[in-house]
């Protein structure tokens, strides 16, 4: 019996030693922490607070939760982004192959370095496939914006405003929101060209058309409200210069 007891003691000691080595040398503690507090991707609408079933072009904040990392490689629908922060703003685009109103699926993948190892987290989201468009034409000292948002009729467009899409963030441009009168989801807005120049930090309105033709950092933000004015929805769309305005 004593001999068997010694063997059992050696076996237990060996197991304990192996576990200790795994914990200390091979990232065992990290793996245990990941099992207890897994790294996940959290999505939330910047307007409605929804966490799934978004609209196409809806402004969404993605956050990598639980990771001890400074930068993340975000891969969204096979589009690879440069290293970015743990939280980014994004919008899923309209999918022409699906047609209007057809639900679409999207993949969001975050690759990050933690404790000397690369790891990843993945999540899947659904969108309601609605199409929006936004065009701008610069004529002399005037900017004319034409928008279209094909949302269900229970959503009413309240106002539009200029915004900037820089460094993984959607930020309101330094101009006032523009109240609009619409018919359905279509609206035409006229504003001084200086509004647009100020938003882009462009001192000369004459250079706006050229810049808008080359860059897409100026976006349009649509603010909608439901029929009861109790819930909001924000869609975002790059502003594209029309040929006539170049």
Foldseek 3Di string as FASTA:
>chain_A
DVVVVVVVVVVVVVVVVVVVCCVPPVVPVVVVVCVVPNWEKFKAFPFFRDGAAAAAQTKMKIATPPAPFAWKFKAKQNDTDPTAGRIFIDGHHADPVQDAQGKDKMKIKIWGDGPNDIDIYIDMHIYGRWDKAWEWADDDFKIKIKIFTQDPPQKDWFWKAKWFCPRRYIGGFPDDIGGFDDDRRITMDMDTLVRVCRRVVNPDSVCVLVVLQPDFRIKMKTWIAGNVRPGITIGIGTYHYDPNRD
